[in-house]
Amino acid sequence: MAARVSKDNFEAEVLQASVPVLVEFYSDSCIPCKQMSPILGDIEDDYEDRLKVVKVNANFDGELAEQYSVMVSPTILFFKDGKEAERVRGLIKKPELEEIVKKYI
C-alpha cells in the first residue's frame, strides 16, 4: 500500500527520491480515489524497485495541494529528479497509467 506523505516529509520522500515518484492527491470521501487504490497498489507492486508510489490527503495537507495547484481528487503527479514531470486528473485505468509510468522509469 502506498505510503502517506505530508508537508513534513514531502521533500525527503518525493523531491529527493532516487527513483521517479507517483504522488496521488486524494480525499477520504472521494469515490474515484477509492477506485484508484487497487490500481495504485498494482502499479506499486509491478514497479516496486523502479517507481515510488505515495499518497497525499488533500484535506489534511491542503498546503501541499495548494502549492501544486491540485483542485480535483484524485490528481496524480509524476515527479522525476525532484520536479513535476506530468499530471493526471480524475480516475484513470491501469493500462493508461502504466503507459505514463513507463515514460519515467
N, C-alpha and C. Protein backbone atom coordinates (compact mmCIF):
# COMPACT_ATOMS: atom_id res chain seq x y z
N MET A 1 0.84 -1.20 0.00
CA MET A 1 0.00 0.00 0.00
C MET A 1 0.88 1.24 0.00
N ALA A 2 0.49 2.22 -0.78
CA ALA A 2 1.26 3.45 -0.91
C ALA A 2 1.38 4.16 0.44
N ALA A 3 2.58 4.63 0.72
CA ALA A 3 2.83 5.36 1.96
C ALA A 3 2.19 6.73 1.88
N ARG A 4 1.69 7.21 3.00
CA ARG A 4 1.12 8.55 3.06
C ARG A 4 2.24 9.52 3.41
N VAL A 5 2.34 10.60 2.66
CA VAL A 5 3.31 11.65 2.96
C VAL A 5 2.57 12.94 3.26
N SER A 6 3.26 13.82 3.96
CA SER A 6 2.69 15.11 4.34
C SER A 6 3.72 16.19 4.03
N LYS A 7 3.38 17.43 4.34
CA LYS A 7 4.33 18.51 4.08
C LYS A 7 5.62 18.32 4.87
N ASP A 8 5.53 17.59 6.00
CA ASP A 8 6.71 17.38 6.83
C ASP A 8 7.76 16.49 6.18
N ASN A 9 7.34 15.53 5.36
CA ASN A 9 8.31 14.62 4.75
C ASN A 9 8.24 14.59 3.22
N PHE A 10 7.48 15.50 2.62
CA PHE A 10 7.30 15.52 1.16
C PHE A 10 8.64 15.72 0.45
N GLU A 11 9.43 16.64 0.94
CA GLU A 11 10.71 16.91 0.27
C GLU A 11 11.61 15.68 0.29
N ALA A 12 11.74 15.05 1.44
CA ALA A 12 12.61 13.87 1.56
C ALA A 12 12.07 12.69 0.77
N GLU A 13 10.77 12.44 0.85
CA GLU A 13 10.17 11.26 0.22
C GLU A 13 9.93 11.41 -1.28
N VAL A 14 9.68 12.63 -1.73
CA VAL A 14 9.32 12.84 -3.13
C VAL A 14 10.41 13.59 -3.90
N LEU A 15 10.72 14.78 -3.44
CA LEU A 15 11.64 15.63 -4.20
C LEU A 15 13.07 15.13 -4.20
N GLN A 16 13.47 14.43 -3.13
CA GLN A 16 14.84 13.91 -3.05
C GLN A 16 14.93 12.42 -3.35
N ALA A 17 13.86 11.82 -3.83
CA ALA A 17 13.85 10.39 -4.12
C ALA A 17 14.82 10.06 -5.25
N SER A 18 15.42 8.88 -5.16
CA SER A 18 16.38 8.46 -6.17
C SER A 18 15.71 7.82 -7.39
N VAL A 19 14.41 7.56 -7.29
CA VAL A 19 13.64 7.00 -8.40
C VAL A 19 12.45 7.92 -8.68
N PRO A 20 11.82 7.80 -9.85
CA PRO A 20 10.61 8.60 -10.10
C PRO A 20 9.54 8.29 -9.04
N VAL A 21 8.69 9.29 -8.78
CA VAL A 21 7.66 9.15 -7.75
C VAL A 21 6.30 9.50 -8.34
N LEU A 22 5.33 8.62 -8.07
CA LEU A 22 3.93 8.87 -8.41
C LEU A 22 3.27 9.32 -7.12
N VAL A 23 2.68 10.53 -7.12
CA VAL A 23 2.01 11.07 -5.95
C VAL A 23 0.53 11.22 -6.25
N GLU A 24 -0.30 10.54 -5.46
CA GLU A 24 -1.74 10.71 -5.62
C GLU A 24 -2.25 11.65 -4.54
N PHE A 25 -2.85 12.75 -4.96
CA PHE A 25 -3.57 13.63 -4.04
C PHE A 25 -5.00 13.11 -4.00
N TYR A 26 -5.46 12.76 -2.81
CA TYR A 26 -6.76 12.12 -2.66
C TYR A 26 -7.53 12.73 -1.51
N SER A 27 -8.79 12.30 -1.41
CA SER A 27 -9.66 12.68 -0.30
C SER A 27 -10.34 11.41 0.19
N ASP A 28 -10.53 11.29 1.49
CA ASP A 28 -11.17 10.10 2.06
C ASP A 28 -12.60 9.91 1.56
N SER A 29 -13.28 10.98 1.23
CA SER A 29 -14.68 10.89 0.81
C SER A 29 -14.85 10.75 -0.71
N CYS A 30 -13.76 10.67 -1.42
CA CYS A 30 -13.77 10.65 -2.89
C CYS A 30 -13.90 9.21 -3.40
N ILE A 31 -15.01 8.92 -4.08
CA ILE A 31 -15.25 7.57 -4.63
C ILE A 31 -14.21 7.20 -5.70
N PRO A 32 -13.91 8.08 -6.67
CA PRO A 32 -12.88 7.72 -7.65
C PRO A 32 -11.51 7.46 -6.99
N CYS A 33 -11.23 8.15 -5.88
CA CYS A 33 -9.97 7.91 -5.16
C CYS A 33 -9.94 6.49 -4.61
N LYS A 34 -11.06 6.04 -4.08
CA LYS A 34 -11.15 4.66 -3.56
C LYS A 34 -10.99 3.66 -4.70
N GLN A 35 -11.51 4.00 -5.87
CA GLN A 35 -11.37 3.12 -7.03
C GLN A 35 -9.93 3.07 -7.54
N MET A 36 -9.17 4.13 -7.30
CA MET A 36 -7.76 4.19 -7.72
C MET A 36 -6.87 3.35 -6.82
N SER A 37 -7.26 3.12 -5.57
CA SER A 37 -6.39 2.42 -4.61
C SER A 37 -5.87 1.08 -5.12
N PRO A 38 -6.72 0.17 -5.61
CA PRO A 38 -6.17 -1.11 -6.08
C PRO A 38 -5.28 -0.95 -7.31
N ILE A 39 -5.58 0.02 -8.15
CA ILE A 39 -4.76 0.27 -9.34
C ILE A 39 -3.38 0.74 -8.90
N LEU A 40 -3.34 1.67 -7.96
CA LEU A 40 -2.05 2.16 -7.47
C LEU A 40 -1.29 1.06 -6.75
N GLY A 41 -2.00 0.19 -6.04
CA GLY A 41 -1.36 -0.95 -5.38
C GLY A 41 -0.70 -1.87 -6.39
N ASP A 42 -1.38 -2.13 -7.50
CA ASP A 42 -0.81 -2.96 -8.56
C ASP A 42 0.41 -2.31 -9.18
N ILE A 43 0.32 -1.01 -9.45
CA ILE A 43 1.45 -0.27 -10.03
C ILE A 43 2.64 -0.33 -9.08
N GLU A 44 2.37 -0.12 -7.79
CA GLU A 44 3.44 -0.17 -6.79
C GLU A 44 4.11 -1.55 -6.78
N ASP A 45 3.32 -2.61 -6.84
CA ASP A 45 3.87 -3.97 -6.85
C ASP A 45 4.65 -4.25 -8.14
N ASP A 46 4.09 -3.84 -9.26
CA ASP A 46 4.70 -4.14 -10.56
C ASP A 46 6.01 -3.39 -10.80
N TYR A 47 6.15 -2.21 -10.21
CA TYR A 47 7.32 -1.36 -10.48
C TYR A 47 8.08 -1.02 -9.20
N GLU A 48 8.03 -1.90 -8.20
CA GLU A 48 8.49 -1.57 -6.85
C GLU A 48 9.93 -1.06 -6.75
N ASP A 49 10.84 -1.54 -7.57
CA ASP A 49 12.23 -1.08 -7.47
C ASP A 49 12.52 0.12 -8.37
N ARG A 50 11.57 0.44 -9.25
CA ARG A 50 11.83 1.50 -10.23
C ARG A 50 10.96 2.73 -10.06
N LEU A 51 9.93 2.63 -9.21
CA LEU A 51 8.98 3.72 -9.02
C LEU A 51 8.50 3.72 -7.57
N LYS A 52 8.42 4.89 -6.99
CA LYS A 52 7.89 5.03 -5.64
C LYS A 52 6.47 5.57 -5.77
N VAL A 53 5.54 4.99 -4.99
CA VAL A 53 4.15 5.43 -5.02
C VAL A 53 3.77 5.94 -3.63
N VAL A 54 3.31 7.18 -3.55
CA VAL A 54 2.90 7.77 -2.27
C VAL A 54 1.57 8.48 -2.45
N LYS A 55 0.93 8.77 -1.31
CA LYS A 55 -0.37 9.44 -1.32
C LYS A 55 -0.31 10.66 -0.41
N VAL A 56 -1.03 11.70 -0.81
CA VAL A 56 -1.17 12.91 0.00
C VAL A 56 -2.67 13.15 0.18
N ASN A 57 -3.10 13.24 1.43
CA ASN A 57 -4.50 13.54 1.71
C ASN A 57 -4.69 15.05 1.54
N ALA A 58 -5.42 15.42 0.50
CA ALA A 58 -5.59 16.84 0.16
C ALA A 58 -6.34 17.60 1.25
N ASN A 59 -7.17 16.90 2.04
CA ASN A 59 -7.90 17.57 3.13
C ASN A 59 -6.97 17.93 4.28
N PHE A 60 -6.08 17.02 4.63
CA PHE A 60 -5.18 17.25 5.76
C PHE A 60 -3.93 18.03 5.38
N ASP A 61 -3.55 17.93 4.12
CA ASP A 61 -2.36 18.64 3.65
C ASP A 61 -2.74 19.62 2.54
N GLY A 62 -3.67 20.49 2.87
CA GLY A 62 -4.14 21.48 1.91
C GLY A 62 -3.04 22.40 1.42
N GLU A 63 -2.04 22.62 2.25
CA GLU A 63 -0.92 23.47 1.87
C GLU A 63 -0.17 22.87 0.67
N LEU A 64 0.04 21.55 0.71
CA LEU A 64 0.69 20.88 -0.43
C LEU A 64 -0.21 20.90 -1.65
N ALA A 65 -1.49 20.64 -1.45
CA ALA A 65 -2.44 20.67 -2.56
C ALA A 65 -2.44 22.04 -3.22
N GLU A 66 -2.42 23.07 -2.40
CA GLU A 66 -2.39 24.44 -2.93
C GLU A 66 -1.07 24.73 -3.64
N GLN A 67 0.03 24.30 -3.04
CA GLN A 67 1.35 24.53 -3.63
C GLN A 67 1.45 23.93 -5.03
N TYR A 68 0.82 22.77 -5.23
CA TYR A 68 0.87 22.10 -6.53
C TYR A 68 -0.41 22.30 -7.34
N SER A 69 -1.23 23.28 -6.96
CA SER A 69 -2.44 23.65 -7.69
C SER A 69 -3.36 22.46 -7.95
N VAL A 70 -3.54 21.63 -6.93
CA VAL A 70 -4.43 20.47 -7.03
C VAL A 70 -5.84 20.93 -6.68
N MET A 71 -6.75 20.82 -7.64
CA MET A 71 -8.13 21.26 -7.45
C MET A 71 -9.12 20.11 -7.47
N VAL A 72 -8.69 18.95 -7.96
CA VAL A 72 -9.57 17.80 -8.16
C VAL A 72 -8.95 16.57 -7.50
N SER A 73 -9.80 15.76 -6.87
CA SER A 73 -9.33 14.47 -6.34
C SER A 73 -9.98 13.38 -7.17
N PRO A 74 -9.21 12.38 -7.58
CA PRO A 74 -7.78 12.26 -7.42
C PRO A 74 -7.02 13.05 -8.48
N THR A 75 -5.86 13.53 -8.09
CA THR A 75 -4.90 14.10 -9.03
C THR A 75 -3.60 13.36 -8.81
N ILE A 76 -3.02 12.87 -9.88
CA ILE A 76 -1.76 12.14 -9.80
C ILE A 76 -0.67 12.99 -10.44
N LEU A 77 0.39 13.19 -9.67
CA LEU A 77 1.55 13.92 -10.17
C LEU A 77 2.72 12.95 -10.27
N PHE A 78 3.48 13.07 -11.34
CA PHE A 78 4.70 12.28 -11.50
C PHE A 78 5.88 13.21 -11.31
N PHE A 79 6.78 12.81 -10.43
CA PHE A 79 7.99 13.58 -10.16
C PHE A 79 9.19 12.78 -10.62
N LYS A 80 10.10 13.46 -11.30
CA LYS A 80 11.36 12.85 -11.70
C LYS A 80 12.46 13.87 -11.43
N ASP A 81 13.48 13.42 -10.75
CA ASP A 81 14.60 14.30 -10.39
C ASP A 81 14.14 15.53 -9.63
N GLY A 82 13.14 15.35 -8.75
CA GLY A 82 12.67 16.43 -7.89
C GLY A 82 11.75 17.44 -8.54
N LYS A 83 11.36 17.19 -9.79
CA LYS A 83 10.49 18.14 -10.49
C LYS A 83 9.24 17.42 -11.00
N GLU A 84 8.13 18.16 -11.01
CA GLU A 84 6.90 17.60 -11.57
C GLU A 84 7.09 17.38 -13.06
N ALA A 85 6.82 16.15 -13.51
CA ALA A 85 7.00 15.81 -14.92
C ALA A 85 5.68 15.67 -15.66
N GLU A 86 4.63 15.26 -14.95
CA GLU A 86 3.34 15.06 -15.60
C GLU A 86 2.25 15.05 -14.54
N ARG A 87 1.01 15.32 -15.01
CA ARG A 87 -0.14 15.40 -14.11
C ARG A 87 -1.34 14.75 -14.79
N VAL A 88 -2.11 13.98 -13.99
CA VAL A 88 -3.34 13.35 -14.48
C VAL A 88 -4.43 13.66 -13.47
N ARG A 89 -5.56 14.13 -13.96
CA ARG A 89 -6.69 14.44 -13.07
C ARG A 89 -7.80 13.42 -13.26
N GLY A 90 -8.39 13.00 -12.15
CA GLY A 90 -9.52 12.09 -12.21
C GLY A 90 -9.10 10.63 -12.29
N LEU A 91 -10.09 9.77 -12.38
CA LEU A 91 -9.89 8.33 -12.43
C LEU A 91 -9.23 7.93 -13.74
N ILE A 92 -8.23 7.08 -13.65
CA ILE A 92 -7.51 6.62 -14.84
C ILE A 92 -7.39 5.10 -14.76
N LYS A 93 -7.50 4.43 -15.90
CA LYS A 93 -7.40 2.97 -15.93
C LYS A 93 -5.93 2.56 -15.85
N LYS A 94 -5.72 1.33 -15.37
CA LYS A 94 -4.36 0.84 -15.17
C LYS A 94 -3.51 0.87 -16.44
N PRO A 95 -4.00 0.40 -17.60
CA PRO A 95 -3.16 0.44 -18.80
C PRO A 95 -2.71 1.86 -19.17
N GLU A 96 -3.60 2.84 -19.01
CA GLU A 96 -3.24 4.23 -19.31
C GLU A 96 -2.20 4.74 -18.32
N LEU A 97 -2.36 4.38 -17.04
CA LEU A 97 -1.41 4.80 -16.02
C LEU A 97 -0.05 4.16 -16.26
N GLU A 98 -0.05 2.89 -16.67
CA GLU A 98 1.21 2.20 -16.96
C GLU A 98 1.96 2.85 -18.11
N GLU A 99 1.25 3.33 -19.12
CA GLU A 99 1.90 4.00 -20.23
C GLU A 99 2.65 5.24 -19.75
N ILE A 100 2.05 5.96 -18.83
CA ILE A 100 2.70 7.15 -18.29
C ILE A 100 3.90 6.75 -17.44
N VAL A 101 3.71 5.74 -16.58
CA VAL A 101 4.80 5.27 -15.71
C VAL A 101 6.01 4.89 -16.54
N LYS A 102 5.78 4.18 -17.64
CA LYS A 102 6.90 3.69 -18.48
C LYS A 102 7.72 4.82 -19.08
N LYS A 103 7.14 6.01 -19.20
CA LYS A 103 7.88 7.16 -19.73
C LYS A 103 8.95 7.64 -18.73
N TYR A 104 8.75 7.36 -17.45
CA TYR A 104 9.61 7.94 -16.42
C TYR A 104 10.54 6.96 -15.72
N ILE A 105 10.36 5.66 -15.99
CA ILE A 105 11.25 4.70 -15.31
C ILE A 105 12.39 4.26 -16.23
